[in-house]
């Protein structure tokens, strides 16, 4: 199937497509997505540092600001395309139940509604059951689906905007696409936080979860290719967003307000240092660039199989070694936050400086085989998603 080219000269210009009005909307949508991702990182830190003293915490307000902003802007564009600019925006929208709007707007609206619906549900849950035992409690699962919907809608919206500009020979929108991809990857990584602590990075569960999640996003970026090293840029943005919270949060004093308190903290607890996804991302970019140069768009299955093997070959040793460093005394500093990501509910002891569950959840040669199967599905989905992002124009 042919994909939309990204022209470098006037000779690549196709049929003119009207530029959508209000070009600030895609940037505002991405800003809202960033608010959601930074807000959920802040909220997790709030829970591990202070506990949940009220629904109206600044972290919650930041999350719901991002969701509300995305939903309102998506709704505004649907109203425009349905009632006021129907003929002008028809080629840039899809119809649902008699209304018209960009695909990204519809996904963003759905995500916003799910987020706002989860708010009273989450408040009731905490009042009834207290603190969450797991991150993905029922209201948090609905909230996570909504947040991911808003962020994914933002990516679809700005990708379509960029593709339409490329079809008319205009430049612009590339940085928004990359930013949305980095935000999406950072948000998705939070879903497996509970199995991704450095102390768990020698277990089978961690590597299977990583193989299920990360190849999809890295292969999608490498296949979409708004710039030459798209996967590396997206992984770099994920790294930058995560380490920003690692470095900034401890500057703010805070103390627990809920018992029992096993670990006396005096500042906001940072997240654990993020994964070094930028290394396998760079390897996948080189693989995809080399494949395009010599094979073009042929033999997609072999390209995916090569990407799976390359991801496993690079990710496993890099993260295996890096996790050893993160739980060592050398990482116990403000830069790497080794051992400083434990909240007030964790008992401080020497066990925090060792790997956990090595006996009951060991990493074996069989784990690599299962990782290959899981990563194959993930990479296939990511490759298809990257191709869709390259073609979407509505």
Foldseek 3Di string as FASTA:
>chain_A
DDFQDQDPDPVQAADAADADPDPCLLVLLLVLLLLQLLLVQLVVLCCQFANDPDLPDPSNVSNLVSLVSLQVSLVVQQCCCQPPCVVNCVVQWDDDPSIIGHPLSVLSNVLSVLQVVLSVVVVVCCVVPNGDPDCPDPSNVSNLSSSLSSLVSSLLVLLLSQSSCSNRVHHDSLVSNLSSLLSNLLSVVVVCLVCPALLNLQFLVNLLVCLQPPLLSLLLQLLLPPDLLSSLSSLVSSQVSQLVQLQPFQVAFGHYDDDDFQDTGGTRQGRARDAPSSFLSNVLSVLSVVCCVPPNPPPVLVSLLVSLVSCLVGRSVRSVVVSLVLLDPVQVDSRRVRVRNGGRVDHDDCSSSHHPPCPVGGDDPVSSVSSSVSNSVSNVNSNVNSSCSSHRND
